Amino acid sequence: MYARRGKNRISYRVVDEYGGDTLSDKMTRTSRRPLTVGELETFFNEAWPLFDVLEMTFGDDGFDLDQMLAS
């Protein structure tokens, strides 16, 4: 995640090492003030949905996400 302060707003963006393949459509946002920890977490998880990434990474190898989460 990157943040850059502009004149009136702070711009945020989430990047990945796979050319954006693990990211959703909402990879950027702005705010007038710094995001709270909760806002930052929500933004990050919307941009990089953890459970979708786990399914993409391990699903083809026979891992069942529901089963992994139940452990």
C-alpha atoms as a PDB file:
ATOM      1  CA  MET A   1       0.000   0.000   0.000  1.00  0.00           C
ATOM      2  CA  TYR A   2       1.181   3.464  -0.886  1.00  0.00           C
ATOM      3  CA  ALA A   3      -0.009   6.873   0.252  1.00  0.00           C
ATOM      4  CA  ARG A   4       0.839  10.279  -1.148  1.00  0.00           C
ATOM      5  CA  ARG A   5      -0.096  13.638   0.312  1.00  0.00           C
ATOM      6  CA  GLY A   6      -1.424  16.139  -2.202  1.00  0.00           C
ATOM      7  CA  LYS A   7      -2.498  19.738  -1.700  1.00  0.00           C
ATOM      8  CA  ASN A   8      -5.916  18.980  -0.235  1.00  0.00           C
ATOM      9  CA  ARG A   9      -6.195  15.188  -0.213  1.00  0.00           C
ATOM     10  CA  ILE A  10      -4.241  12.048   0.556  1.00  0.00           C
ATOM     11  CA  SER A  11      -4.217   9.462  -2.231  1.00  0.00           C
ATOM     12  CA  TYR A  12      -3.918   5.758  -1.413  1.00  0.00           C
ATOM     13  CA  ARG A  13      -3.313   2.780  -3.673  1.00  0.00           C
ATOM     14  CA  VAL A  14      -2.839  -0.922  -3.166  1.00  0.00           C
ATOM     15  CA  VAL A  15      -0.494  -2.857  -5.449  1.00  0.00           C
ATOM     16  CA  ASP A  16       0.498  -6.501  -5.690  1.00  0.00           C
ATOM     17  CA  GLU A  17       3.439  -8.370  -7.133  1.00  0.00           C
ATOM     18  CA  TYR A  18       1.284 -10.141  -9.725  1.00  0.00           C
ATOM     19  CA  GLY A  19       0.414  -7.240 -12.012  1.00  0.00           C
ATOM     20  CA  GLY A  20      -2.885  -6.625 -10.243  1.00  0.00           C
ATOM     21  CA  ASP A  21      -4.196 -10.187 -10.670  1.00  0.00           C
ATOM     22  CA  THR A  22      -5.025 -10.522  -6.961  1.00  0.00           C
ATOM     23  CA  LEU A  23      -6.674  -7.116  -6.640  1.00  0.00           C
ATOM     24  CA  SER A  24     -10.289  -6.070  -6.972  1.00  0.00           C
ATOM     25  CA  ASP A  25     -11.463  -3.048  -8.942  1.00  0.00           C
ATOM     26  CA  LYS A  26     -11.180  -0.753  -5.913  1.00  0.00           C
ATOM     27  CA  MET A  27      -7.403  -0.264  -5.665  1.00  0.00           C
ATOM     28  CA  THR A  28      -7.349   3.487  -5.033  1.00  0.00           C
ATOM     29  CA  ARG A  29      -9.050   6.028  -2.823  1.00  0.00           C
ATOM     30  CA  THR A  30      -8.528   9.478  -1.378  1.00  0.00           C
ATOM     31  CA  SER A  31      -9.313  11.223   1.878  1.00  0.00           C
ATOM     32  CA  ARG A  32      -8.952  14.709   3.320  1.00  0.00           C
ATOM     33  CA  ARG A  33      -7.485  13.400   6.588  1.00  0.00           C
ATOM     34  CA  PRO A  34      -5.429  10.284   7.274  1.00  0.00           C
ATOM     35  CA  LEU A  35      -7.531   7.119   7.351  1.00  0.00           C
ATOM     36  CA  THR A  36      -8.235   5.542  10.705  1.00  0.00           C
ATOM     37  CA  VAL A  37      -6.892   2.041  11.259  1.00  0.00           C
ATOM     38  CA  GLY A  38     -10.394   0.666  10.671  1.00  0.00           C
ATOM     39  CA  GLU A  39     -10.810   2.618   7.420  1.00  0.00           C
ATOM     40  CA  LEU A  40      -7.379   1.510   6.271  1.00  0.00           C
ATOM     41  CA  GLU A  41      -8.201  -2.149   7.015  1.00  0.00           C
ATOM     42  CA  THR A  42     -11.518  -1.925   5.177  1.00  0.00           C
ATOM     43  CA  PHE A  43      -9.912  -0.294   2.149  1.00  0.00           C
ATOM     44  CA  PHE A  44      -7.076  -2.836   2.047  1.00  0.00           C
ATOM     45  CA  ASN A  45      -9.403  -5.845   2.376  1.00  0.00           C
ATOM     46  CA  GLU A  46     -11.708  -4.495  -0.333  1.00  0.00           C
ATOM     47  CA  ALA A  47      -8.737  -3.991  -2.675  1.00  0.00           C
ATOM     48  CA  TRP A  48      -7.045  -7.307  -1.817  1.00  0.00           C
ATOM     49  CA  PRO A  49      -9.770  -9.740  -0.675  1.00  0.00           C
ATOM     50  CA  LEU A  50      -7.849 -12.230   1.473  1.00  0.00           C
ATOM     51  CA  PHE A  51     -10.209 -15.198   1.122  1.00  0.00           C
ATOM     52  CA  ASP A  52     -10.381 -14.798  -2.666  1.00  0.00           C
ATOM     53  CA  VAL A  53      -6.581 -14.726  -2.808  1.00  0.00           C
ATOM     54  CA  LEU A  54      -6.341 -17.857  -0.639  1.00  0.00           C
ATOM     55  CA  GLU A  55      -8.821 -19.656  -2.894  1.00  0.00           C
ATOM     56  CA  MET A  56      -6.912 -18.544  -5.993  1.00  0.00           C
ATOM     57  CA  THR A  57      -3.593 -19.616  -4.487  1.00  0.00           C
ATOM     58  CA  PHE A  58      -4.545 -22.949  -2.932  1.00  0.00           C
ATOM     59  CA  GLY A  59      -7.836 -23.979  -4.571  1.00  0.00           C
ATOM     60  CA  ASP A  60      -6.222 -25.769  -7.524  1.00  0.00           C
ATOM     61  CA  ASP A  61      -4.094 -27.812  -5.124  1.00  0.00           C
ATOM     62  CA  GLY A  62      -7.118 -29.451  -3.508  1.00  0.00           C
ATOM     63  CA  PHE A  63      -7.290 -27.223  -0.455  1.00  0.00           C
ATOM     64  CA  ASP A  64     -10.811 -26.378   0.658  1.00  0.00           C
ATOM     65  CA  LEU A  65     -11.065 -22.858   2.097  1.00  0.00           C
ATOM     66  CA  ASP A  66     -13.970 -23.719   4.420  1.00  0.00           C
ATOM     67  CA  GLN A  67     -12.056 -26.709   5.723  1.00  0.00           C
ATOM     68  CA  MET A  68      -8.890 -24.648   6.271  1.00  0.00           C
ATOM     69  CA  LEU A  69     -10.852 -21.999   8.181  1.00  0.00           C
ATOM     70  CA  ALA A  70     -12.481 -24.631  10.405  1.00  0.00           C
ATOM     71  CA  SER A  71      -9.094 -25.926  11.604  1.00  0.00           C
END
